[in-house]
Amino acid sequence: MNISSTMPLDFSSYLLYTL
């Protein structure tokens, strides 16, 4: 996954899913 390409919102969701 390209976090840089994804939007900040997606990044936040990804972090939440990781937790």
N, C-alpha and C. Protein backbone atom coordinates (compact mmCIF):
# COMPACT_ATOMS: atom_id res chain seq x y z
N MET A 1 0.85 -1.21 0.00
CA MET A 1 0.00 0.00 0.00
C MET A 1 0.88 1.25 0.00
N ASN A 2 0.48 2.23 -0.77
CA ASN A 2 1.27 3.48 -0.80
C ASN A 2 0.63 4.50 0.12
N ILE A 3 1.06 4.53 1.35
CA ILE A 3 0.46 5.47 2.31
C ILE A 3 0.62 6.90 1.80
N SER A 4 1.78 7.19 1.20
CA SER A 4 2.02 8.56 0.69
C SER A 4 0.95 8.94 -0.31
N SER A 5 0.53 7.97 -1.10
CA SER A 5 -0.48 8.25 -2.12
C SER A 5 -1.87 8.35 -1.49
N THR A 6 -2.11 7.54 -0.46
CA THR A 6 -3.42 7.57 0.18
C THR A 6 -3.65 8.88 0.91
N MET A 7 -4.89 9.17 1.19
CA MET A 7 -5.21 10.43 1.88
C MET A 7 -4.97 10.26 3.38
N PRO A 8 -4.86 11.38 4.11
CA PRO A 8 -4.63 11.34 5.55
C PRO A 8 -5.71 10.53 6.28
N LEU A 9 -6.94 10.64 5.79
CA LEU A 9 -8.03 9.92 6.43
C LEU A 9 -7.76 8.41 6.34
N ASP A 10 -7.34 7.95 5.17
CA ASP A 10 -7.04 6.53 5.00
C ASP A 10 -5.92 6.12 5.95
N PHE A 11 -4.95 6.98 6.08
CA PHE A 11 -3.82 6.67 6.96
C PHE A 11 -4.31 6.48 8.39
N SER A 12 -5.19 7.35 8.82
CA SER A 12 -5.74 7.27 10.18
C SER A 12 -6.48 5.94 10.33
N SER A 13 -7.27 5.59 9.35
CA SER A 13 -8.04 4.34 9.42
C SER A 13 -7.08 3.16 9.48
N TYR A 14 -6.01 3.23 8.71
CA TYR A 14 -5.04 2.14 8.71
C TYR A 14 -4.43 1.96 10.10
N LEU A 15 -4.08 3.07 10.72
CA LEU A 15 -3.51 3.01 12.07
C LEU A 15 -4.53 2.41 13.04
N LEU A 16 -5.76 2.84 12.92
CA LEU A 16 -6.80 2.33 13.82
C LEU A 16 -6.95 0.83 13.63
N TYR A 17 -6.93 0.37 12.38
CA TYR A 17 -7.07 -1.06 12.12
C TYR A 17 -5.89 -1.83 12.69
N THR A 18 -4.71 -1.20 12.66
CA THR A 18 -3.51 -1.87 13.17
C THR A 18 -3.61 -2.06 14.68
N LEU A 19 -4.23 -1.10 15.38
CA LEU A 19 -4.29 -1.17 16.84
C LEU A 19 -5.21 -2.30 17.32
